[in-house]
Structures are given as structure tokens and as C-alpha cells.
Amino acid sequence: MRIIACLALAALAACASPAGGASNFTTSSSTIVISPDETAIRAILYAQQASWNSGDIDGFMQGYWRSPDLRFGSGGGVTRGWDETLARYKTRYADRAAMGELTFSNLEIDLVSEDAAVVHGAWALQRESDAPSGLFTLVFKEIDGGWYIVSDTTTSAD
């Protein structure tokens, strides 16, 4: 997991400006500016995706705030706590076949303050027998110098 996370961070760092400021990406019609905080949040999501796709739920959970106050809402219910959320994932996705291949897309990151962000996006699993998908809303907070998911609401389109 640490190797995958380091590779994701290194790839994103290569896109960052040398002075540690915002990154600029130019498309055919406009320039997109990505702040260091948005870059850090994207790195966490990409590391989560890589961990999931290597069958590492524990690594996937590193993006979440390790606290009994973590909130995870899905399937009409709310799970509270990091340990409880980990147990939920391990029960629901007991093996690689159930986990499938995860893809995040349509990420929209809104930095609402210096230490908080809301992320909207889509998720999709590709499995041998099906391809469930849906949307998510994540609340990130910067805690002790790192960004963590403190609230996750995930819905299923199926």
C-alpha cells in the first residue's frame, strides 16, 4: 500500500509547480488551476482506488479519519467509527471477486475553507458477474497536517 500511495503522490507531485503553489493544466480552451490541497485530496482518492484494486481494504481505509466519530452513510443506514466502517467493508467485500475493480470518476473538489473540502464523484465496480455503480459525497478535513475523509455518503445507482 505504501508503495502504491508513494507512486500516486510522486505522479501528482510531478504535475505540481516547483514552488509548491497551484498546478496549471492547459486544455484547448482554458487553463485549469489545481491547488496543493486539491492535489493532496486527489492523491488520497487515487491511493484508495489503487489499494482497493490490489485487494487491500486496510490500505483503502487509510484515507479515512481514524476516529470513532467517522461517519459512513450507505444503503439507507449510517455506520459510525473507523473500526466499524472497516468491519462493514470487510463483511460486504469478503474476497477479491466481491471487490472487483474500482474506478472513481467525475471528481468535483470544493475547498470550502482552509481545512475543509467537499468532494463529489462517481464510483463504479467492474466484477465478473455485474458492474454496480453510484455516486458519493465526501467531507474531507485537514487534521494534524493531513487530509482525511470524516464523512462519506455513498449511493448506489442499482
N, C-alpha and C. Protein backbone atom coordinates (compact mmCIF):
# COMPACT_ATOMS: atom_id res chain seq x y z
N MET A 1 0.82 -1.19 0.00
CA MET A 1 0.00 0.00 0.00
C MET A 1 0.86 1.25 0.00
N ARG A 2 1.88 1.29 0.86
CA ARG A 2 2.70 2.49 0.95
C ARG A 2 3.40 2.75 -0.38
N ILE A 3 3.81 1.69 -1.07
CA ILE A 3 4.47 1.87 -2.36
C ILE A 3 3.49 2.48 -3.36
N ILE A 4 2.26 1.96 -3.38
CA ILE A 4 1.25 2.49 -4.31
C ILE A 4 0.94 3.94 -3.98
N ALA A 5 0.77 4.23 -2.69
CA ALA A 5 0.48 5.61 -2.29
C ALA A 5 1.64 6.53 -2.67
N CYS A 6 2.87 6.06 -2.46
CA CYS A 6 4.04 6.88 -2.81
C CYS A 6 4.10 7.12 -4.32
N LEU A 7 3.78 6.09 -5.11
CA LEU A 7 3.78 6.26 -6.56
C LEU A 7 2.72 7.26 -6.99
N ALA A 8 1.52 7.16 -6.38
CA ALA A 8 0.46 8.12 -6.72
C ALA A 8 0.86 9.53 -6.35
N LEU A 9 1.46 9.68 -5.17
CA LEU A 9 1.91 11.01 -4.76
C LEU A 9 3.02 11.53 -5.66
N ALA A 10 3.94 10.66 -6.04
CA ALA A 10 5.04 11.08 -6.91
C ALA A 10 4.51 11.52 -8.27
N ALA A 11 3.53 10.79 -8.80
CA ALA A 11 2.96 11.17 -10.09
C ALA A 11 2.27 12.53 -10.00
N LEU A 12 1.56 12.74 -8.91
CA LEU A 12 0.90 14.03 -8.75
C LEU A 12 1.90 15.14 -8.48
N ALA A 13 2.95 14.83 -7.73
CA ALA A 13 3.97 15.84 -7.44
C ALA A 13 4.67 16.28 -8.72
N ALA A 14 4.80 15.38 -9.66
CA ALA A 14 5.43 15.74 -10.93
C ALA A 14 4.62 16.79 -11.67
N CYS A 15 3.31 16.82 -11.39
CA CYS A 15 2.45 17.81 -12.02
C CYS A 15 2.41 19.12 -11.26
N ALA A 16 2.89 19.13 -10.02
CA ALA A 16 2.83 20.33 -9.20
C ALA A 16 3.89 21.33 -9.64
N SER A 17 3.62 22.58 -9.31
CA SER A 17 4.59 23.61 -9.66
C SER A 17 5.80 23.49 -8.74
N PRO A 18 7.00 23.89 -9.21
CA PRO A 18 8.20 23.72 -8.43
C PRO A 18 8.17 24.44 -7.09
N ALA A 19 7.49 25.54 -6.98
CA ALA A 19 7.47 26.30 -5.73
C ALA A 19 6.42 25.79 -4.76
N GLY A 20 5.71 24.73 -5.10
CA GLY A 20 4.70 24.18 -4.21
C GLY A 20 3.38 24.92 -4.31
N GLY A 21 3.22 25.79 -5.30
CA GLY A 21 1.98 26.53 -5.48
C GLY A 21 0.99 25.71 -6.26
N ALA A 22 0.03 26.40 -6.84
CA ALA A 22 -1.01 25.73 -7.62
C ALA A 22 -0.43 25.17 -8.91
N SER A 23 -1.01 24.06 -9.36
CA SER A 23 -0.63 23.46 -10.62
C SER A 23 -1.53 24.00 -11.72
N ASN A 24 -0.98 24.22 -12.90
CA ASN A 24 -1.76 24.69 -14.04
C ASN A 24 -1.76 23.63 -15.13
N PHE A 25 -2.92 23.32 -15.65
CA PHE A 25 -3.06 22.41 -16.76
C PHE A 25 -3.82 23.16 -17.85
N THR A 26 -3.31 23.17 -19.06
CA THR A 26 -3.94 23.89 -20.13
C THR A 26 -4.64 22.90 -21.06
N THR A 27 -5.90 23.18 -21.33
CA THR A 27 -6.66 22.41 -22.32
C THR A 27 -6.74 23.28 -23.57
N SER A 28 -7.42 22.81 -24.57
CA SER A 28 -7.51 23.58 -25.81
C SER A 28 -8.23 24.90 -25.63
N SER A 29 -9.07 25.01 -24.61
CA SER A 29 -9.86 26.23 -24.47
C SER A 29 -9.66 26.97 -23.15
N SER A 30 -8.99 26.38 -22.17
CA SER A 30 -8.84 27.06 -20.89
C SER A 30 -7.70 26.47 -20.07
N THR A 31 -7.36 27.17 -19.00
CA THR A 31 -6.37 26.69 -18.06
C THR A 31 -7.07 26.30 -16.77
N ILE A 32 -6.76 25.13 -16.26
CA ILE A 32 -7.34 24.64 -15.03
C ILE A 32 -6.26 24.77 -13.95
N VAL A 33 -6.60 25.41 -12.85
CA VAL A 33 -5.66 25.58 -11.74
C VAL A 33 -6.05 24.61 -10.63
N ILE A 34 -5.09 23.81 -10.19
CA ILE A 34 -5.33 22.85 -9.12
C ILE A 34 -4.43 23.22 -7.95
N SER A 35 -5.05 23.48 -6.80
CA SER A 35 -4.30 23.90 -5.62
C SER A 35 -3.55 22.70 -5.01
N PRO A 36 -2.56 22.98 -4.18
CA PRO A 36 -1.86 21.88 -3.49
C PRO A 36 -2.81 21.04 -2.63
N ASP A 37 -3.82 21.67 -2.02
CA ASP A 37 -4.77 20.91 -1.21
C ASP A 37 -5.60 19.98 -2.08
N GLU A 38 -6.04 20.47 -3.23
CA GLU A 38 -6.80 19.61 -4.14
C GLU A 38 -5.93 18.48 -4.66
N THR A 39 -4.68 18.76 -4.93
CA THR A 39 -3.74 17.73 -5.37
C THR A 39 -3.60 16.66 -4.29
N ALA A 40 -3.48 17.07 -3.03
CA ALA A 40 -3.35 16.12 -1.92
C ALA A 40 -4.61 15.26 -1.79
N ILE A 41 -5.77 15.87 -1.93
CA ILE A 41 -7.03 15.13 -1.83
C ILE A 41 -7.15 14.13 -2.98
N ARG A 42 -6.82 14.56 -4.19
CA ARG A 42 -6.84 13.63 -5.33
C ARG A 42 -5.88 12.46 -5.11
N ALA A 43 -4.71 12.74 -4.54
CA ALA A 43 -3.74 11.68 -4.27
C ALA A 43 -4.31 10.64 -3.31
N ILE A 44 -5.06 11.09 -2.32
CA ILE A 44 -5.68 10.16 -1.37
C ILE A 44 -6.69 9.28 -2.09
N LEU A 45 -7.51 9.88 -2.93
CA LEU A 45 -8.51 9.10 -3.67
C LEU A 45 -7.86 8.11 -4.63
N TYR A 46 -6.81 8.53 -5.32
CA TYR A 46 -6.12 7.62 -6.23
C TYR A 46 -5.44 6.49 -5.47
N ALA A 47 -4.89 6.80 -4.29
CA ALA A 47 -4.28 5.76 -3.46
C ALA A 47 -5.34 4.78 -2.96
N GLN A 48 -6.52 5.30 -2.61
CA GLN A 48 -7.61 4.42 -2.21
C GLN A 48 -8.01 3.49 -3.35
N GLN A 49 -8.14 4.04 -4.53
CA GLN A 49 -8.51 3.24 -5.70
C GLN A 49 -7.46 2.15 -5.95
N ALA A 50 -6.20 2.52 -5.87
CA ALA A 50 -5.11 1.54 -6.09
C ALA A 50 -5.12 0.46 -5.01
N SER A 51 -5.34 0.85 -3.76
CA SER A 51 -5.39 -0.14 -2.68
C SER A 51 -6.55 -1.11 -2.90
N TRP A 52 -7.71 -0.55 -3.23
CA TRP A 52 -8.89 -1.39 -3.46
C TRP A 52 -8.60 -2.39 -4.58
N ASN A 53 -8.02 -1.91 -5.66
CA ASN A 53 -7.78 -2.76 -6.83
C ASN A 53 -6.68 -3.78 -6.61
N SER A 54 -5.93 -3.63 -5.53
CA SER A 54 -4.95 -4.67 -5.18
C SER A 54 -5.48 -5.55 -4.05
N GLY A 55 -6.76 -5.38 -3.70
CA GLY A 55 -7.39 -6.22 -2.69
C GLY A 55 -7.07 -5.82 -1.26
N ASP A 56 -6.64 -4.60 -1.06
CA ASP A 56 -6.17 -4.13 0.24
C ASP A 56 -7.17 -3.17 0.88
N ILE A 57 -8.17 -3.72 1.57
CA ILE A 57 -9.18 -2.88 2.23
C ILE A 57 -8.54 -2.06 3.35
N ASP A 58 -7.59 -2.64 4.07
CA ASP A 58 -6.92 -1.88 5.13
C ASP A 58 -6.21 -0.65 4.55
N GLY A 59 -5.56 -0.81 3.41
CA GLY A 59 -4.92 0.31 2.75
C GLY A 59 -5.94 1.33 2.27
N PHE A 60 -7.05 0.85 1.73
CA PHE A 60 -8.14 1.73 1.29
C PHE A 60 -8.63 2.61 2.43
N MET A 61 -8.70 2.05 3.61
CA MET A 61 -9.21 2.76 4.79
C MET A 61 -8.27 3.85 5.29
N GLN A 62 -7.03 3.88 4.82
CA GLN A 62 -6.09 4.90 5.29
C GLN A 62 -6.52 6.31 4.91
N GLY A 63 -7.41 6.44 3.93
CA GLY A 63 -7.92 7.75 3.55
C GLY A 63 -8.96 8.30 4.51
N TYR A 64 -9.46 7.43 5.39
CA TYR A 64 -10.49 7.83 6.34
C TYR A 64 -9.88 8.27 7.67
N TRP A 65 -10.56 9.19 8.34
CA TRP A 65 -10.18 9.65 9.66
C TRP A 65 -10.32 8.49 10.64
N ARG A 66 -9.24 8.15 11.29
CA ARG A 66 -9.26 7.02 12.23
C ARG A 66 -9.80 7.51 13.56
N SER A 67 -11.14 7.54 13.65
CA SER A 67 -11.83 8.10 14.81
C SER A 67 -13.17 7.40 14.99
N PRO A 68 -13.63 7.32 16.23
CA PRO A 68 -14.99 6.81 16.44
C PRO A 68 -16.05 7.76 15.92
N ASP A 69 -15.65 8.98 15.53
CA ASP A 69 -16.59 9.97 15.01
C ASP A 69 -16.70 9.95 13.48
N LEU A 70 -15.94 9.09 12.79
CA LEU A 70 -16.09 8.93 11.35
C LEU A 70 -17.55 8.56 11.05
N ARG A 71 -18.10 9.15 9.97
CA ARG A 71 -19.48 8.86 9.57
C ARG A 71 -19.46 8.27 8.17
N PHE A 72 -20.13 7.12 8.01
CA PHE A 72 -20.26 6.48 6.70
C PHE A 72 -21.72 6.14 6.48
N GLY A 73 -22.34 6.80 5.50
CA GLY A 73 -23.74 6.55 5.19
C GLY A 73 -23.88 5.85 3.86
N SER A 74 -24.61 4.74 3.86
CA SER A 74 -24.83 4.00 2.63
C SER A 74 -25.95 2.98 2.85
N GLY A 75 -26.67 2.68 1.78
CA GLY A 75 -27.70 1.64 1.86
C GLY A 75 -28.80 1.95 2.85
N GLY A 76 -29.08 3.22 3.09
CA GLY A 76 -30.15 3.59 4.00
C GLY A 76 -29.77 3.59 5.47
N GLY A 77 -28.48 3.35 5.76
CA GLY A 77 -28.04 3.33 7.15
C GLY A 77 -26.77 4.14 7.34
N VAL A 78 -26.42 4.37 8.59
CA VAL A 78 -25.21 5.09 8.93
C VAL A 78 -24.35 4.22 9.84
N THR A 79 -23.08 4.11 9.48
CA THR A 79 -22.10 3.43 10.31
C THR A 79 -21.23 4.51 10.91
N ARG A 80 -20.99 4.43 12.19
CA ARG A 80 -20.13 5.41 12.87
C ARG A 80 -18.88 4.72 13.37
N GLY A 81 -17.73 5.37 13.13
CA GLY A 81 -16.46 4.86 13.62
C GLY A 81 -15.61 4.22 12.54
N TRP A 82 -14.30 4.43 12.66
CA TRP A 82 -13.36 3.86 11.69
C TRP A 82 -13.36 2.34 11.75
N ASP A 83 -13.28 1.77 12.96
CA ASP A 83 -13.25 0.31 13.10
C ASP A 83 -14.54 -0.31 12.56
N GLU A 84 -15.65 0.32 12.84
CA GLU A 84 -16.95 -0.20 12.38
C GLU A 84 -17.06 -0.11 10.86
N THR A 85 -16.52 0.97 10.28
CA THR A 85 -16.55 1.11 8.82
C THR A 85 -15.66 0.06 8.17
N LEU A 86 -14.49 -0.16 8.74
CA LEU A 86 -13.59 -1.21 8.23
C LEU A 86 -14.30 -2.57 8.28
N ALA A 87 -14.93 -2.88 9.39
CA ALA A 87 -15.64 -4.16 9.52
C ALA A 87 -16.76 -4.27 8.49
N ARG A 88 -17.47 -3.17 8.24
CA ARG A 88 -18.53 -3.17 7.24
C ARG A 88 -17.97 -3.50 5.86
N TYR A 89 -16.87 -2.84 5.49
CA TYR A 89 -16.25 -3.11 4.19
C TYR A 89 -15.81 -4.57 4.10
N LYS A 90 -15.18 -5.08 5.14
CA LYS A 90 -14.66 -6.46 5.09
C LYS A 90 -15.78 -7.48 5.03
N THR A 91 -16.92 -7.18 5.63
CA THR A 91 -18.06 -8.08 5.56
C THR A 91 -18.70 -8.03 4.17
N ARG A 92 -18.89 -6.83 3.68
CA ARG A 92 -19.57 -6.64 2.39
C ARG A 92 -18.71 -7.07 1.20
N TYR A 93 -17.40 -6.92 1.33
CA TYR A 93 -16.46 -7.25 0.25
C TYR A 93 -15.45 -8.27 0.78
N ALA A 94 -15.94 -9.47 1.01
CA ALA A 94 -15.17 -10.51 1.71
C ALA A 94 -14.03 -11.11 0.88
N ASP A 95 -14.07 -10.95 -0.44
CA ASP A 95 -12.99 -11.51 -1.27
C ASP A 95 -12.79 -10.64 -2.51
N ARG A 96 -11.75 -10.96 -3.29
CA ARG A 96 -11.41 -10.17 -4.48
C ARG A 96 -12.55 -10.15 -5.48
N ALA A 97 -13.26 -11.26 -5.63
CA ALA A 97 -14.37 -11.29 -6.59
C ALA A 97 -15.45 -10.27 -6.21
N ALA A 98 -15.75 -10.16 -4.92
CA ALA A 98 -16.75 -9.20 -4.47
C ALA A 98 -16.24 -7.76 -4.62
N MET A 99 -14.93 -7.57 -4.43
CA MET A 99 -14.36 -6.23 -4.54
C MET A 99 -14.35 -5.72 -5.97
N GLY A 100 -14.04 -6.58 -6.91
CA GLY A 100 -13.96 -6.15 -8.30
C GLY A 100 -12.87 -5.11 -8.51
N GLU A 101 -13.01 -4.38 -9.59
CA GLU A 101 -12.07 -3.32 -9.97
C GLU A 101 -12.78 -1.98 -9.80
N LEU A 102 -12.25 -1.11 -8.95
CA LEU A 102 -12.88 0.16 -8.62
C LEU A 102 -12.35 1.29 -9.50
N THR A 103 -13.27 2.13 -9.95
CA THR A 103 -12.90 3.34 -10.68
C THR A 103 -13.67 4.52 -10.09
N PHE A 104 -12.95 5.60 -9.80
CA PHE A 104 -13.57 6.86 -9.42
C PHE A 104 -13.58 7.76 -10.65
N SER A 105 -14.62 8.56 -10.81
CA SER A 105 -14.69 9.49 -11.94
C SER A 105 -15.51 10.71 -11.56
N ASN A 106 -15.51 11.68 -12.46
CA ASN A 106 -16.30 12.91 -12.29
C ASN A 106 -16.05 13.61 -10.96
N LEU A 107 -14.79 13.64 -10.54
CA LEU A 107 -14.46 14.26 -9.26
C LEU A 107 -14.63 15.77 -9.32
N GLU A 108 -15.34 16.31 -8.33
CA GLU A 108 -15.51 17.74 -8.15
C GLU A 108 -15.08 18.04 -6.73
N ILE A 109 -14.02 18.83 -6.59
CA ILE A 109 -13.49 19.15 -5.27
C ILE A 109 -13.74 20.62 -4.97
N ASP A 110 -14.45 20.86 -3.89
CA ASP A 110 -14.77 22.22 -3.47
C ASP A 110 -14.09 22.48 -2.12
N LEU A 111 -13.04 23.29 -2.14
CA LEU A 111 -12.36 23.67 -0.90
C LEU A 111 -13.20 24.74 -0.23
N VAL A 112 -13.91 24.38 0.82
CA VAL A 112 -14.86 25.30 1.45
C VAL A 112 -14.21 26.16 2.53
N SER A 113 -13.03 25.79 2.98
CA SER A 113 -12.25 26.59 3.93
C SER A 113 -10.80 26.10 3.87
N GLU A 114 -9.96 26.68 4.70
CA GLU A 114 -8.55 26.27 4.71
C GLU A 114 -8.36 24.82 5.13
N ASP A 115 -9.32 24.29 5.90
CA ASP A 115 -9.14 22.93 6.41
C ASP A 115 -10.34 22.01 6.15
N ALA A 116 -11.15 22.35 5.15
CA ALA A 116 -12.30 21.51 4.84
C ALA A 116 -12.59 21.52 3.34
N ALA A 117 -13.03 20.38 2.84
CA ALA A 117 -13.38 20.25 1.43
C ALA A 117 -14.54 19.28 1.29
N VAL A 118 -15.34 19.51 0.26
CA VAL A 118 -16.41 18.59 -0.11
C VAL A 118 -16.05 18.03 -1.48
N VAL A 119 -16.13 16.72 -1.60
CA VAL A 119 -15.80 16.06 -2.86
C VAL A 119 -17.02 15.28 -3.33
N HIS A 120 -17.43 15.54 -4.56
CA HIS A 120 -18.50 14.77 -5.21
C HIS A 120 -17.85 13.94 -6.30
N GLY A 121 -18.37 12.76 -6.52
CA GLY A 121 -17.83 11.93 -7.58
C GLY A 121 -18.71 10.72 -7.85
N ALA A 122 -18.24 9.94 -8.77
CA ALA A 122 -18.93 8.70 -9.13
C ALA A 122 -17.98 7.53 -8.90
N TRP A 123 -18.54 6.39 -8.56
CA TRP A 123 -17.76 5.18 -8.39
C TRP A 123 -18.36 4.09 -9.26
N ALA A 124 -17.53 3.16 -9.65
CA ALA A 124 -18.00 2.00 -10.42
C ALA A 124 -17.13 0.81 -10.08
N LEU A 125 -17.76 -0.34 -9.94
CA LEU A 125 -17.04 -1.60 -9.76
C LEU A 125 -17.25 -2.44 -11.00
N GLN A 126 -16.20 -3.02 -11.48
CA GLN A 126 -16.31 -3.97 -12.58
C GLN A 126 -16.01 -5.34 -11.99
N ARG A 127 -17.04 -6.20 -11.98
CA ARG A 127 -16.87 -7.55 -11.46
C ARG A 127 -17.25 -8.55 -12.54
N GLU A 128 -16.92 -9.78 -12.31
CA GLU A 128 -17.19 -10.80 -13.32
C GLU A 128 -18.67 -10.91 -13.63
N SER A 129 -19.52 -10.80 -12.60
CA SER A 129 -20.95 -11.03 -12.80
C SER A 129 -21.79 -9.76 -12.90
N ASP A 130 -21.24 -8.60 -12.55
CA ASP A 130 -22.02 -7.38 -12.61
C ASP A 130 -21.11 -6.15 -12.58
N ALA A 131 -21.73 -4.99 -12.65
CA ALA A 131 -20.97 -3.73 -12.66
C ALA A 131 -21.76 -2.66 -11.90
N PRO A 132 -21.82 -2.79 -10.56
CA PRO A 132 -22.54 -1.77 -9.79
C PRO A 132 -21.84 -0.42 -9.85
N SER A 133 -22.61 0.63 -9.66
CA SER A 133 -22.04 1.98 -9.71
C SER A 133 -22.92 2.91 -8.88
N GLY A 134 -22.43 4.12 -8.69
CA GLY A 134 -23.21 5.09 -7.94
C GLY A 134 -22.44 6.39 -7.75
N LEU A 135 -22.90 7.17 -6.80
CA LEU A 135 -22.32 8.47 -6.52
C LEU A 135 -21.84 8.52 -5.07
N PHE A 136 -20.95 9.48 -4.78
CA PHE A 136 -20.53 9.69 -3.40
C PHE A 136 -20.32 11.17 -3.14
N THR A 137 -20.48 11.52 -1.88
CA THR A 137 -20.14 12.84 -1.37
C THR A 137 -19.26 12.62 -0.15
N LEU A 138 -18.06 13.19 -0.20
CA LEU A 138 -17.10 13.04 0.89
C LEU A 138 -16.84 14.40 1.51
N VAL A 139 -16.73 14.42 2.83
CA VAL A 139 -16.28 15.61 3.53
C VAL A 139 -14.87 15.31 4.01
N PHE A 140 -13.92 16.11 3.54
CA PHE A 140 -12.53 15.99 3.97
C PHE A 140 -12.22 17.10 4.95
N LYS A 141 -11.42 16.79 5.96
CA LYS A 141 -10.89 17.82 6.85
C LYS A 141 -9.39 17.63 6.95
N GLU A 142 -8.69 18.74 7.09
CA GLU A 142 -7.26 18.67 7.33
C GLU A 142 -7.07 18.54 8.84
N ILE A 143 -6.47 17.43 9.23
CA ILE A 143 -6.29 17.12 10.65
C ILE A 143 -4.81 16.78 10.86
N ASP A 144 -4.17 17.48 11.77
CA ASP A 144 -2.76 17.24 12.08
C ASP A 144 -1.89 17.21 10.83
N GLY A 145 -2.16 18.13 9.91
CA GLY A 145 -1.33 18.26 8.72
C GLY A 145 -1.67 17.34 7.57
N GLY A 146 -2.68 16.49 7.71
CA GLY A 146 -3.08 15.60 6.62
C GLY A 146 -4.57 15.71 6.35
N TRP A 147 -4.96 15.40 5.13
CA TRP A 147 -6.37 15.42 4.74
C TRP A 147 -6.97 14.03 4.96
N TYR A 148 -8.17 13.99 5.56
CA TYR A 148 -8.86 12.72 5.83
C TYR A 148 -10.34 12.86 5.55
N ILE A 149 -10.95 11.77 5.13
CA ILE A 149 -12.40 11.71 4.95
C ILE A 149 -13.01 11.58 6.34
N VAL A 150 -13.87 12.53 6.73
CA VAL A 150 -14.53 12.48 8.02
C VAL A 150 -16.00 12.06 7.87
N SER A 151 -16.52 12.19 6.64
CA SER A 151 -17.90 11.78 6.37
C SER A 151 -17.99 11.31 4.92
N ASP A 152 -18.63 10.18 4.73
CA ASP A 152 -18.77 9.57 3.40
C ASP A 152 -20.22 9.17 3.23
N THR A 153 -20.89 9.72 2.23
CA THR A 153 -22.24 9.28 1.88
C THR A 153 -22.16 8.73 0.47
N THR A 154 -22.41 7.44 0.35
CA THR A 154 -22.29 6.74 -0.92
C THR A 154 -23.64 6.15 -1.31
N THR A 155 -24.04 6.38 -2.53
CA THR A 155 -25.30 5.86 -3.03
C THR A 155 -25.05 4.89 -4.18
N SER A 156 -26.00 4.03 -4.42
CA SER A 156 -25.90 3.06 -5.50
C SER A 156 -26.94 3.39 -6.57
N ALA A 157 -26.54 3.30 -7.81
CA ALA A 157 -27.46 3.55 -8.92
C ALA A 157 -28.29 2.30 -9.22
N ASP A 158 -27.91 1.20 -8.62
CA ASP A 158 -28.58 -0.08 -8.90
C ASP A 158 -29.68 -0.37 -7.92
